[in-house]
């Protein structure tokens, strides 16, 4: 009973309220310190770096609030070498200063591939095989041959190229394709026209 009476004395209530007040002040100080230390609500917006050259982005003083690391490089013949393909965090994300930005860029050194054998294939088959090998179709030239629409020879930079030769992915391969019976029909028509003209 004496203890219960003591709980309601002015002396206990005074000290109890003082303890609560000190505790609340201490909690407020700790929260403010953490907010200052972690720079709570001090965010910056991540720009869109996609499509920009990696060297340009990392060399721009305007981007000193970020740290960049390349996590992957992918060959893409349609993109400029060394340009940024993707980023994490994404554009528009709110981050703290000195945030690490993870980048995927196009490969500066092209990947290698092997030249397939295209001779005697149809043009459609040859084009499909080029694409699956990471190469692309260059110029077409049609020559006299009974094999209509069949590849007669394959060239790289003006020279005949053998199957198995190592090339950069994205290289253009020129093909010579047979005209088939059309070439001979045209020749016969030309001879007939000349004969009629001479008469």
Protein backbone atom coordinates (compact mmCIF):
# COMPACT_ATOMS: atom_id res chain seq x y z
CA UNK A 1 0.00 0.00 0.00
CA UNK A 2 2.88 2.35 0.80
CA UNK A 3 4.27 1.74 -2.69
CA UNK A 4 0.94 2.62 -4.32
CA UNK A 5 0.75 5.80 -2.26
CA UNK A 6 4.28 6.67 -3.32
CA UNK A 7 3.28 6.38 -7.03
CA UNK A 8 0.81 9.21 -6.55
CA UNK A 9 3.05 11.53 -4.60
CA UNK A 10 4.16 14.85 -6.17
CA UNK A 11 7.80 13.88 -5.84
CA UNK A 12 7.37 10.66 -7.91
CA UNK A 13 5.17 12.30 -10.54
CA UNK A 14 7.66 15.15 -10.90
CA UNK A 15 10.58 12.79 -11.45
CA UNK A 16 8.51 10.52 -13.73
CA UNK A 17 7.48 13.39 -16.01
CA UNK A 18 11.06 14.70 -16.00
CA UNK A 19 12.32 11.25 -17.09
CA UNK A 20 9.76 11.10 -19.92
CA UNK A 21 10.74 14.59 -21.05
CA UNK A 22 14.46 13.74 -21.06
CA UNK A 23 13.73 10.48 -22.97
CA UNK A 24 11.71 12.33 -25.63
CA UNK A 25 14.44 14.95 -26.03
CA UNK A 26 17.07 12.22 -26.38
CA UNK A 27 14.96 10.39 -29.00
CA UNK A 28 14.51 13.66 -30.95
CA UNK A 29 18.26 14.37 -30.85
CA UNK A 30 19.06 10.83 -32.06
CA UNK A 31 16.54 11.05 -34.93
CA UNK A 32 17.85 14.46 -35.99
CA UNK A 33 21.42 13.18 -35.88
CA UNK A 34 20.52 10.16 -38.01
CA UNK A 35 18.66 12.37 -40.48
CA UNK A 36 21.68 14.64 -40.79
CA UNK A 37 24.13 11.72 -41.02
CA UNK A 38 22.13 9.85 -43.68
CA UNK A 39 21.09 13.11 -45.40
CA UNK A 40 17.46 12.10 -45.21
CA UNK A 41 15.32 13.68 -47.97
CA UNK A 42 18.50 14.89 -49.69
CA UNK A 43 17.86 13.20 -53.06
CA UNK A 44 18.96 13.77 -56.65
CA UNK A 45 17.21 12.56 -59.78
CA UNK A 46 19.05 10.06 -62.00
CA UNK A 47 19.31 11.33 -65.60
CA UNK A 48 18.81 9.16 -68.67
CA UNK A 49 22.29 8.06 -69.74
CA UNK A 50 21.08 5.57 -72.37
CA UNK A 51 22.44 6.17 -75.85
CA UNK A 52 25.25 8.44 -74.62
CA UNK A 53 28.92 7.50 -74.99
CA UNK A 54 30.33 6.08 -71.75
CA UNK A 55 33.44 8.30 -71.96
CA UNK A 56 31.28 11.42 -72.32
CA UNK A 57 29.13 10.56 -69.30
CA UNK A 58 32.02 9.73 -66.97
CA UNK A 59 34.01 12.76 -68.10
CA UNK A 60 31.19 15.27 -67.56
CA UNK A 61 31.57 17.26 -64.28
CA UNK A 62 27.78 17.56 -64.15
CA UNK A 63 27.68 13.86 -63.27
CA UNK A 64 30.18 14.01 -60.40
CA UNK A 65 27.37 13.12 -57.98
CA UNK A 66 27.34 9.58 -59.34
CA UNK A 67 29.81 6.72 -59.48
CA UNK A 68 29.72 4.50 -62.55
CA UNK A 69 30.59 0.86 -63.00
CA UNK A 70 30.22 -1.21 -66.18
CA UNK A 71 28.74 -4.60 -65.37
CA UNK A 72 28.36 -5.92 -68.92
CA UNK A 73 29.16 -5.14 -72.55
CA UNK A 74 27.07 -6.38 -75.46
CA UNK A 75 27.85 -6.28 -79.16
CA UNK A 76 25.24 -4.40 -81.17
CA UNK A 77 26.18 -3.37 -84.71
CA UNK A 78 23.29 -0.87 -84.83
CA UNK A 79 24.62 1.11 -81.84
CA UNK A 80 27.67 3.31 -81.48
CA UNK A 81 30.59 1.51 -79.87
CA UNK A 82 30.94 2.35 -76.18
CA UNK A 83 27.42 3.80 -75.89
CA UNK A 84 25.24 3.04 -72.87
CA UNK A 85 22.49 0.48 -73.48
CA UNK A 86 20.92 0.25 -70.02
CA UNK A 87 21.35 1.58 -66.50
CA UNK A 88 20.41 0.72 -62.94
CA UNK A 89 18.87 2.67 -61.21
CA UNK A 90 16.55 3.68 -64.04
CA UNK A 91 16.18 7.27 -65.30
CA UNK A 92 14.06 9.38 -62.96
CA UNK A 93 14.93 7.39 -59.83
CA UNK A 94 15.60 9.36 -56.63
CA UNK A 95 18.98 8.50 -55.13
CA UNK A 96 21.55 9.87 -52.70
CA UNK A 97 24.72 11.60 -53.84
CA UNK A 98 27.64 9.32 -54.79
CA UNK A 99 25.16 6.58 -55.72
CA UNK A 100 26.64 3.76 -57.79
CA UNK A 101 25.13 3.56 -61.28
CA UNK A 102 25.47 0.17 -62.96
CA UNK A 103 25.79 0.32 -66.75
CA UNK A 104 25.60 -2.03 -69.71
CA UNK A 105 27.40 -0.67 -72.76
CA UNK A 106 27.97 -1.72 -76.34
CA UNK A 107 31.22 -3.58 -76.81
CA UNK A 108 34.09 -1.41 -78.06
CA UNK A 109 35.85 -4.48 -79.49
CA UNK A 110 33.42 -6.43 -81.74
CA UNK A 111 32.84 -10.09 -81.01
CA UNK A 112 34.22 -12.56 -83.50
CA UNK A 113 32.28 -15.02 -85.62
CA UNK A 114 33.07 -17.60 -88.31
CA UNK A 115 32.22 -17.18 -91.98
CA UNK A 116 29.72 -19.87 -93.04
CA UNK A 117 29.69 -21.66 -96.41
CA UNK A 118 26.99 -20.03 -98.53
CA UNK A 119 27.84 -21.31 -101.99
CA UNK A 120 25.03 -23.27 -103.69
CA UNK A 121 22.48 -22.08 -101.13
CA UNK A 122 19.46 -20.05 -102.21
CA UNK A 123 19.66 -16.34 -101.51
CA UNK A 124 17.05 -16.65 -98.76
CA UNK A 125 18.94 -19.50 -97.08
CA UNK A 126 22.21 -17.59 -97.34
CA UNK A 127 20.72 -14.46 -95.78
CA UNK A 128 19.26 -16.49 -92.91
CA UNK A 129 22.62 -18.17 -92.28
CA UNK A 130 24.43 -14.81 -92.33
CA UNK A 131 22.05 -13.39 -89.72
CA UNK A 132 22.40 -16.43 -87.47
CA UNK A 133 26.19 -16.00 -87.66
CA UNK A 134 26.00 -12.34 -86.67
CA UNK A 135 26.88 -11.10 -90.17
CA UNK A 136 24.82 -9.04 -92.60
CA UNK A 137 24.08 -9.14 -96.28
CA UNK A 138 26.02 -6.60 -98.33
CA UNK A 139 25.81 -6.00 -102.08
CA UNK A 140 24.32 -8.49 -104.53
CA UNK A 141 25.61 -9.06 -108.05
CA UNK A 142 23.86 -11.32 -110.54
CA UNK A 143 25.95 -13.42 -112.91
CA UNK A 144 25.28 -15.90 -115.69
CA UNK A 145 24.66 -19.33 -114.19
CA UNK A 146 22.09 -22.10 -114.61
CA UNK A 147 21.57 -22.11 -110.81
CA UNK A 148 18.90 -19.44 -110.58
CA UNK A 149 18.88 -17.55 -107.25
CA UNK A 150 21.76 -19.70 -105.95
CA UNK A 151 24.87 -18.17 -104.37
CA UNK A 152 27.89 -18.57 -106.66
CA UNK A 153 30.50 -16.84 -104.55
CA UNK A 154 30.92 -14.88 -101.29
CA UNK A 155 33.06 -11.79 -100.81
CA UNK A 156 34.35 -9.63 -97.96
CA UNK A 157 35.70 -6.19 -98.84
CA UNK A 158 35.94 -7.13 -102.52
CA UNK A 159 37.78 -10.42 -102.03
CA UNK A 160 36.48 -13.97 -102.13
CA UNK A 161 36.27 -15.34 -98.61
CA UNK A 162 36.47 -18.95 -97.52
CA UNK A 163 34.16 -20.61 -95.02
CA UNK A 164 35.73 -20.80 -91.55
CA UNK A 165 37.45 -17.40 -91.80
CA UNK A 166 37.15 -15.39 -88.56
CA UNK A 167 35.38 -12.02 -88.92
CA UNK A 168 34.01 -9.25 -86.72
CA UNK A 169 30.30 -9.63 -86.01
CA UNK A 170 28.27 -7.19 -88.07
CA UNK A 171 30.58 -7.44 -91.10
CA UNK A 172 28.90 -7.12 -94.51
CA UNK A 173 29.22 -10.04 -96.91
CA UNK A 174 28.69 -9.46 -100.65
CA UNK A 175 27.25 -12.26 -102.74
CA UNK A 176 27.17 -13.15 -106.41
CA UNK A 177 23.95 -14.92 -107.36
CA UNK A 178 23.07 -16.94 -110.47
CA UNK A 179 20.54 -15.56 -112.91
CA UNK A 180 19.46 -19.00 -114.18
CA UNK A 181 17.62 -19.40 -117.47
CA UNK A 182 16.80 -15.68 -117.53
CA UNK A 183 20.34 -14.82 -118.57
CA UNK A 184 20.26 -17.21 -121.52
CA UNK A 185 16.76 -16.14 -122.57
CA UNK A 186 17.95 -12.54 -122.58
CA UNK A 187 20.97 -13.54 -124.66
CA UNK A 188 18.80 -15.43 -127.18
CA UNK A 189 16.43 -12.46 -127.43
CA UNK A 190 19.40 -10.19 -128.01
CA UNK A 191 20.80 -12.43 -130.78
CA UNK A 192 17.36 -12.71 -132.43
CA UNK A 193 16.93 -8.96 -132.36
CA UNK A 194 20.35 -8.46 -133.91
CA UNK A 195 19.55 -10.99 -136.67
CA UNK A 196 16.25 -9.34 -137.49
CA UNK A 197 17.91 -5.97 -137.50
CA UNK A 198 20.57 -7.11 -139.96
CA UNK A 199 17.92 -8.39 -142.39
